[in-house]
Protein backbone atom coordinates (compact mmCIF):
# COMPACT_ATOMS: atom_id res chain seq x y z
CA MET A 1 86.25 120.27 108.54
CA SER A 2 84.33 121.23 105.14
CA GLN A 3 85.87 123.31 102.41
CA ALA A 4 84.20 126.25 101.14
CA VAL A 5 82.24 126.02 98.00
CA TYR A 6 81.58 128.65 94.95
CA VAL A 7 79.29 128.93 92.15
CA LEU A 8 81.66 129.84 89.07
CA GLY A 9 78.75 129.87 86.46
CA ALA A 10 75.40 129.94 85.86
CA GLY A 11 73.12 129.15 82.59
CA ALA A 12 69.61 129.08 81.67
CA HIS A 13 67.25 128.56 78.65
CA PRO A 14 64.44 131.22 78.55
CA TRP A 15 61.20 130.32 79.84
CA GLY A 16 58.00 129.92 77.68
CA LYS A 17 56.28 126.76 75.75
CA TRP A 18 58.68 124.99 73.64
CA PRO A 19 56.85 122.00 72.00
CA ASN A 20 59.74 121.35 69.53
CA THR A 21 62.41 121.49 71.98
CA THR A 22 62.99 118.29 74.07
CA GLN A 23 64.00 118.25 77.62
CA LEU A 24 67.28 117.22 77.19
CA GLU A 25 68.00 119.97 74.66
CA LEU A 26 66.94 122.26 77.25
CA ALA A 27 69.18 120.84 79.67
CA LEU A 28 72.14 121.03 77.51
CA HIS A 29 71.65 124.65 76.45
CA ALA A 30 71.44 125.76 80.15
CA LEU A 31 74.52 123.49 80.98
CA SER A 32 76.53 125.10 78.00
CA GLY A 33 75.91 128.44 79.38
CA ALA A 34 77.04 127.86 83.01
CA LEU A 35 79.98 126.08 81.57
CA GLY A 36 80.93 128.69 79.45
CA GLU A 37 80.39 131.46 82.10
CA ALA A 38 82.47 129.46 84.39
CA ASP A 39 85.26 128.70 81.78
CA VAL A 40 85.01 125.09 82.45
CA SER A 41 85.27 122.22 80.34
CA TRP A 42 83.23 118.67 80.58
CA ASN A 43 86.79 117.17 81.10
CA ASP A 44 86.62 119.37 84.52
CA VAL A 45 83.22 118.43 85.56
CA GLU A 46 83.37 115.40 88.09
CA ALA A 47 79.82 114.96 88.75
CA VAL A 48 76.40 115.75 87.75
CA VAL A 49 73.36 116.29 90.13
CA ALA A 50 70.01 116.53 88.15
CA ALA A 51 66.38 117.61 89.61
CA SER A 52 64.37 114.79 88.37
CA SER A 53 61.16 115.48 86.61
CA ARG A 54 58.11 113.14 86.45
CA PHE A 55 56.96 114.57 83.40
CA GLU A 56 59.30 114.04 80.94
CA GLY A 57 62.66 112.40 80.19
CA GLY A 58 65.36 110.60 82.31
CA MET A 59 64.70 107.36 80.29
CA GLY A 60 61.49 107.09 82.09
CA TRP A 61 63.20 106.31 85.38
CA GLY A 62 64.21 109.75 86.60
CA LEU A 63 67.81 109.31 85.35
CA HIS A 64 68.17 112.77 84.00
CA ALA A 65 71.65 113.35 84.94
CA ASN A 66 72.36 110.04 83.31
CA GLU A 67 70.99 110.95 80.29
CA ILE A 68 72.71 114.21 79.85
CA VAL A 69 76.11 112.68 80.48
CA GLN A 70 75.23 109.66 77.88
CA ALA A 71 74.60 112.79 75.64
CA VAL A 72 77.62 114.83 76.03
CA ALA A 73 80.12 113.77 78.46
CA GLU A 74 80.92 110.01 79.05
CA LYS A 75 83.84 109.80 81.06
CA GLY A 76 82.87 107.85 84.29
CA MET A 77 81.65 110.73 86.22
CA ALA A 78 79.23 110.38 88.94
CA CYS A 79 75.68 110.90 88.35
CA VAL A 80 73.07 111.89 90.96
CA ASN A 81 69.07 112.35 90.35
CA VAL A 82 67.05 113.75 93.12
CA GLY A 83 63.37 114.15 93.51
CA GLY A 84 61.79 116.82 95.80
CA ALA A 85 58.94 118.20 93.35
CA CYS A 86 59.24 121.91 93.13
CA ALA A 87 62.02 121.95 95.74
CA ALA A 88 63.97 119.46 93.81
CA GLY A 89 66.34 122.05 92.24
CA ALA A 90 67.16 123.32 95.84
CA ILE A 91 67.70 119.39 96.73
CA ALA A 92 70.33 118.92 93.88
CA PHE A 93 72.33 122.28 94.76
CA HIS A 94 72.25 121.18 98.26
CA THR A 95 73.42 117.59 97.48
CA ALA A 96 76.17 119.14 94.91
CA HIS A 97 77.35 121.59 97.83
CA ALA A 98 77.89 118.47 100.08
CA MET A 99 79.87 116.54 97.53
CA ILE A 100 82.06 119.32 97.23
CA ALA A 101 82.33 120.42 100.87
CA SER A 102 83.15 116.89 101.81
CA GLY A 103 86.17 117.05 99.89
CA GLU A 104 84.92 113.99 97.57
CA HIS A 105 84.80 116.33 94.41
CA ASP A 106 85.99 119.59 93.09
CA VAL A 107 83.84 120.43 90.25
CA VAL A 108 79.88 119.51 89.93
CA CYS A 109 77.17 120.60 87.62
CA VAL A 110 73.63 121.00 88.97
CA VAL A 111 70.94 121.01 86.45
CA GLY A 112 67.10 121.41 86.21
CA ALA A 113 65.05 121.16 83.13
CA GLU A 114 61.26 120.86 82.44
CA ARG A 115 58.61 120.58 79.73
CA MET A 116 55.12 121.14 81.84
CA PRO A 117 51.93 119.60 80.47
CA LYS A 118 49.27 122.24 79.87
CA GLY A 119 47.04 123.52 82.52
CA PHE A 120 46.55 122.56 86.31
CA ILE A 121 49.26 120.23 87.61
CA PRO A 122 47.24 116.76 87.31
CA ARG A 123 47.96 113.51 89.44
CA PRO A 124 50.89 111.32 88.24
CA PRO A 125 50.11 108.89 85.25
CA GLY A 126 48.90 105.78 86.32
CA SER A 127 48.16 106.69 89.88
CA GLN A 128 46.00 104.23 91.76
CA ASP A 129 42.52 105.24 93.41
CA ASP A 130 43.56 104.67 96.72
CA VAL A 131 41.68 106.10 99.63
CA THR A 132 45.03 106.27 101.66
CA ASP A 133 46.62 108.72 99.28
CA ASP A 134 45.98 112.56 99.72
CA ASP A 135 46.11 113.31 96.41
CA TYR A 136 43.70 111.02 95.42
CA LEU A 137 41.47 112.23 98.27
CA ARG A 138 41.64 115.93 97.62
CA TRP A 139 40.65 115.09 93.89
CA VAL A 140 37.36 113.16 94.73
CA ALA A 141 36.49 114.79 98.07
CA MET A 142 37.00 118.14 97.17
CA GLY A 143 38.03 118.65 93.56
CA ALA A 144 40.92 121.24 94.82
CA THR A 145 43.39 122.24 92.49
CA ASN A 146 46.43 123.82 93.76
CA PRO A 147 45.18 127.33 93.27
CA ALA A 148 42.23 126.07 95.69
CA TYR A 149 44.76 125.70 98.44
CA TRP A 150 46.46 129.07 98.03
CA ALA A 151 43.03 130.70 97.70
CA ILE A 152 42.27 129.61 101.18
CA GLU A 153 45.42 131.17 102.41
CA ALA A 154 44.55 134.30 100.61
CA HIS A 155 41.34 134.60 102.37
CA ARG A 156 42.82 134.09 105.82
CA ARG A 157 45.31 136.76 105.28
CA MET A 158 42.57 139.10 104.37
CA HIS A 159 40.43 138.05 107.21
CA GLU A 160 43.15 137.99 110.00
CA LEU A 161 45.47 140.91 108.52
CA GLY A 162 43.17 143.23 106.55
CA THR A 163 45.06 142.63 103.08
CA SER A 164 42.94 143.99 100.31
CA GLU A 165 42.43 142.79 96.98
CA GLU A 166 44.31 145.64 95.57
CA THR A 167 47.20 144.96 97.82
CA LEU A 168 47.08 141.19 96.34
CA ALA A 169 46.95 142.79 92.82
CA ARG A 170 49.72 145.23 93.62
CA ALA A 171 52.00 142.31 94.65
CA ALA A 172 51.39 140.92 90.93
CA VAL A 173 52.34 144.16 89.42
CA LEU A 174 55.52 144.36 90.73
CA MET A 175 56.60 140.95 89.49
CA ARG A 176 55.62 141.64 86.00
CA ARG A 177 57.53 145.30 86.31
CA ASN A 178 60.51 143.66 87.38
CA ALA A 179 60.32 141.22 84.60
CA VAL A 180 60.23 143.51 81.83
CA GLY A 181 63.89 144.03 81.77
CA ASN A 182 64.60 140.33 82.22
CA PRO A 183 65.34 138.33 78.65
CA LEU A 184 64.58 135.26 80.55
CA ALA A 185 61.34 135.75 81.53
CA ARG A 186 58.10 134.44 79.87
CA PHE A 187 55.76 137.07 80.56
CA ARG A 188 57.69 140.75 80.14
CA THR A 189 54.86 143.30 79.60
CA ALA A 190 53.92 145.54 82.50
CA THR A 191 50.25 145.52 83.93
CA GLN A 192 48.27 147.55 85.98
CA ILE A 193 46.03 146.76 89.31
CA ASP A 194 42.67 147.06 87.18
CA GLU A 195 44.13 144.73 84.74
CA VAL A 196 45.05 142.06 87.47
CA LEU A 197 41.50 142.53 88.94
CA ALA A 198 39.57 142.26 85.56
CA SER A 199 41.45 139.14 84.70
CA ALA A 200 39.48 135.79 85.22
CA MET A 201 38.76 134.59 88.90
CA VAL A 202 40.50 131.43 89.34
CA ALA A 203 40.04 130.42 92.77
CA ASP A 204 38.49 133.39 94.90
CA PRO A 205 40.01 135.92 95.61
CA LEU A 206 42.99 134.96 93.14
CA HIS A 207 42.58 136.03 89.68
CA LEU A 208 44.39 134.49 86.66
CA LEU A 209 47.17 137.21 86.52
CA GLN A 210 48.03 136.54 90.39
CA ILE A 211 48.81 132.77 90.08
CA CYS A 212 51.74 131.55 88.35
CA PRO A 213 51.34 129.67 84.79
CA VAL A 214 53.36 126.23 83.98
CA SER A 215 56.23 126.67 81.61
CA ASP A 216 58.92 125.02 79.93
CA GLY A 217 62.67 125.90 80.88
CA ALA A 218 65.98 124.74 82.17
CA ALA A 219 68.56 126.16 84.55
CA ALA A 220 72.11 124.95 85.58
CA LEU A 221 75.21 125.94 87.66
CA VAL A 222 78.69 124.98 88.33
CA LEU A 223 79.79 124.74 91.64
CA ALA A 224 83.65 124.11 92.42
CA SER A 225 85.73 123.64 95.71
CA GLU A 226 87.72 126.99 96.77
CA ALA A 227 91.14 125.04 96.22
CA TRP A 228 90.23 124.19 92.87
CA MET A 229 88.81 127.66 91.91
CA LYS A 230 92.39 129.35 93.01
CA ARG A 231 94.47 126.52 91.47
CA ASN A 232 92.48 127.28 88.05
CA GLY A 233 92.44 131.28 88.43
CA GLY A 234 88.81 131.07 88.62
CA THR A 235 86.15 133.34 90.56
CA GLY A 236 82.99 132.77 91.95
CA VAL A 237 80.46 133.79 94.57
CA LYS A 238 80.52 132.08 97.90
CA VAL A 239 77.78 129.59 99.09
CA ALA A 240 77.50 131.03 102.31
CA GLY A 241 74.50 129.05 103.58
CA CYS A 242 72.58 125.93 102.08
CA ALA A 243 69.86 123.87 103.65
CA ILE A 244 67.12 121.91 102.63
CA ALA A 245 64.24 120.77 105.46
CA THR A 246 60.79 119.22 105.77
CA GLY A 247 57.86 120.48 107.80
CA SER A 248 57.33 120.76 111.44
CA PHE A 249 54.12 118.80 112.96
CA GLY A 250 51.20 121.13 113.65
CA ASP A 251 52.00 123.73 110.84
CA PRO A 252 48.92 125.76 110.23
CA ALA A 253 49.39 125.85 106.43
CA ARG A 254 46.98 124.27 103.92
CA ARG A 255 49.40 121.88 102.85
CA ILE A 256 49.18 120.43 99.06
CA PRO A 257 47.43 117.49 98.70
CA THR A 258 46.45 117.15 102.33
CA ILE A 259 42.79 117.92 103.21
CA ALA A 260 42.98 118.05 107.02
CA SER A 261 45.82 118.51 109.25
CA PRO A 262 46.33 119.09 113.33
CA VAL A 263 47.43 122.72 113.95
CA ARG A 264 49.83 123.30 117.12
CA ASP A 265 50.46 126.92 118.69
CA GLY A 266 54.00 128.34 117.91
CA VAL A 267 54.51 126.29 114.84
CA VAL A 268 55.53 128.46 111.96
CA HIS A 269 53.52 128.78 108.87
CA THR A 270 54.89 126.85 105.77
CA SER A 271 57.47 125.36 108.55
CA GLU A 272 59.42 123.31 105.63
CA VAL A 273 60.69 126.58 104.13
CA ALA A 274 61.05 128.54 107.40
CA ASN A 275 63.22 125.76 108.67
CA ALA A 276 65.09 125.74 105.46
CA VAL A 277 65.57 129.37 105.48
CA ALA A 278 66.65 129.15 109.08
CA GLY A 279 69.29 126.54 108.36
CA ALA A 280 70.69 128.33 105.63
CA PHE A 281 70.96 131.64 107.99
CA ALA A 282 72.26 129.63 110.79
CA MET A 283 75.08 128.06 108.32
CA ALA A 284 76.14 131.61 107.20
CA GLY A 285 76.19 133.19 110.58
CA MET A 286 73.80 135.85 109.02
CA GLU A 287 69.99 136.90 109.79
CA PRO A 288 67.52 138.74 107.84
CA LYS A 289 69.03 142.54 108.14
CA ASP A 290 72.04 141.02 106.06
CA ILE A 291 70.12 140.15 102.98
CA ASP A 292 70.24 142.73 99.83
CA LEU A 293 67.37 140.62 97.87
CA LEU A 294 65.09 137.62 98.10
CA GLU A 295 64.39 135.15 95.33
CA MET A 296 61.46 133.12 96.47
CA ALA A 297 58.61 130.72 95.24
CA ASP A 298 55.92 133.18 94.25
CA ASN A 299 53.24 130.80 93.36
CA THR A 300 50.86 133.51 93.91
CA ALA A 301 50.51 137.17 94.88
CA TRP A 302 49.63 135.98 98.19
CA HIS A 303 53.01 134.24 98.73
CA ILE A 304 54.97 137.53 97.93
CA LEU A 305 53.30 139.08 101.06
CA ALA A 306 53.38 136.19 103.21
CA TRP A 307 56.76 134.24 103.02
CA PRO A 308 59.10 137.32 103.97
CA GLU A 309 56.92 137.86 107.24
CA GLN A 310 57.30 133.90 107.85
CA PHE A 311 60.99 134.05 107.62
CA GLY A 312 61.55 137.16 109.81
CA PHE A 313 62.11 139.89 107.55
CA PHE A 314 58.90 141.62 108.43
CA ALA A 315 56.23 141.61 111.30
CA PRO A 316 52.71 140.03 110.27
CA GLY A 317 50.56 142.34 108.05
CA GLU A 318 53.93 144.70 107.39
CA SER A 319 54.59 143.38 103.82
CA ASP A 320 51.40 145.04 102.73
CA VAL A 321 52.51 148.40 103.85
CA MET A 322 56.21 147.68 102.61
CA LEU A 323 54.78 146.81 99.30
CA GLU A 324 52.96 150.11 99.07
CA ARG A 325 55.66 151.83 100.14
CA GLY A 326 57.90 150.50 97.34
CA GLU A 327 60.09 148.84 99.45
CA LEU A 328 59.78 145.71 98.04
CA GLU A 329 61.03 147.05 94.61
CA ILE A 330 64.40 146.69 93.05
CA GLY A 331 66.28 149.58 94.82
CA GLY A 332 64.14 148.95 98.19
CA ARG A 333 64.67 147.87 101.65
CA LEU A 334 64.40 144.49 100.42
CA PRO A 335 63.80 143.72 96.73
CA ILE A 336 61.67 140.59 96.08
CA ASN A 337 62.11 138.54 93.12
CA PRO A 338 64.01 141.30 90.66
CA SER A 339 63.73 138.35 88.08
CA GLY A 340 60.08 138.68 87.86
CA GLY A 341 59.38 135.56 90.05
CA PHE A 342 57.31 132.49 88.87
CA LEU A 343 54.36 134.86 88.29
CA SER A 344 56.40 136.25 85.18
CA PHE A 345 58.34 132.91 84.40
CA GLY A 346 55.59 130.47 84.76
CA GLU A 347 56.77 127.23 86.81
CA ALA A 348 58.58 124.76 85.25
CA THR A 349 58.95 122.68 88.39
CA THR A 350 62.57 120.90 88.69
CA ALA A 351 64.12 123.88 87.24
CA GLN A 352 62.58 126.86 89.05
CA ALA A 353 64.88 126.43 92.26
CA VAL A 354 68.07 126.01 90.05
CA LEU A 355 67.03 129.37 88.20
CA GLN A 356 66.35 131.22 91.50
CA ILE A 357 70.18 130.65 92.47
CA CYS A 358 71.19 131.53 89.08
CA GLU A 359 69.50 135.08 89.71
CA VAL A 360 70.93 135.50 92.93
CA PHE A 361 74.52 134.37 91.35
CA TRP A 362 73.98 137.18 88.30
CA GLN A 363 72.72 139.85 90.63
CA LEU A 364 75.82 139.39 92.86
CA ARG A 365 78.31 139.33 89.89
CA GLY A 366 76.35 142.68 88.64
CA ARG A 367 75.17 140.75 85.64
CA ALA A 368 71.50 141.06 86.02
CA GLU A 369 71.22 143.61 83.20
CA GLY A 370 67.74 145.19 83.13
CA HIS A 371 66.67 144.25 86.41
CA GLN A 372 69.99 144.89 88.52
CA VAL A 373 69.68 145.44 92.28
CA PRO A 374 72.17 148.26 93.18
CA ASP A 375 75.29 146.92 94.89
CA ALA A 376 73.81 143.50 95.98
CA ARG A 377 76.32 141.35 97.92
CA VAL A 378 73.98 138.83 99.79
CA GLY A 379 71.13 136.93 98.40
CA LEU A 380 68.57 134.37 99.51
CA THR A 381 66.44 131.93 97.94
CA ALA A 382 63.39 129.82 99.37
CA VAL A 383 61.39 127.34 97.50
CA LEU A 384 58.52 124.72 98.51
CA GLY A 385 57.90 121.32 97.17
CA LEU A 386 55.30 118.75 97.49
CA GLY A 387 55.77 116.63 100.28
CA ALA A 388 56.54 119.12 102.64
CA ASN A 389 60.07 119.98 101.01
CA GLY A 390 61.79 123.27 101.48
CA GLY A 391 65.24 124.62 100.39
CA SER A 392 66.98 127.53 100.84
CA VAL A 393 70.58 128.97 99.19
CA LEU A 394 72.28 131.99 100.60
CA LEU A 395 75.05 133.39 98.37
CA SER A 396 77.54 136.03 99.53
CA ARG A 397 80.55 138.13 97.61
């Protein structure tokens, strides 16, 4: 029988562009905050699980946990480095949770830190021009950046469900409004629908202010077994559900970086994330009606409308109505991304899913000053990564 796991502390470096701060320094800043909040020292930590970046650090081999430990805490602890692209932080959390739930460890740190290159996310340096590589083909056959894929999905929603350009703009406005009170967010100025629609068109129908930029940032968490927490007089938030998943064959999503895929009836859209969310719900013995807030990957305004429907919170097309009625706002029926989301932070790939969990932790502890969801007791995260990786964590108090 597995043992219960709790989050004891969270920490993050503010999101932005930090050319004079190394990735390692960003990670250590976040870890220092998490350890401090948990009242845990490096002497207590038995393992570090890091979400590994392909852009920087890790000694060139993705060894980010090892790099951190060699800098501050060489004491023989276990180091685990995981991939998963934008879902790497969720996979790192899931790995740390399993290490504790199994009884192998009592205290494990999770960390993701990233300094992103400017502009569209490019092909990995040194990639071969291989016609069997979907990522190569999407560039030479279509010239399709990530926003092109998201634009296809937005157009499909507009055609099938009647979503308007104004509704897509309203979703972006909501994210910026949530971020006004969040000191960790990069973009904290409120915007209006006409300003969103007047911003540059990137991939029709998505404008610049409806697509997340890229940023630098870091986030970290301290996890511990219930037994260790009680022995040491700590307090935490319970990990009620935790799951990672991959996609299902026949998924209708335009999955980056594929250029074509078969579609089967009855397969949920963005199945890798929907499968992970379903796994987290099953583990927790909960369902959508039990959730007080959702922190999810909003790479675009389209995601804010589509994903809650795919996870079972609303019927197809209902998100538009919920948004217009204010039900997705802080204090509404289902607050979505009270942090401000990717649209307000910008994406620091490997750190983003860790930050989502930090945000839910702070919300449940009543520490999300300036953007607090009233009486939040149960929170859910959802994230998507390249390679059909999905992750979801459900915390409860």
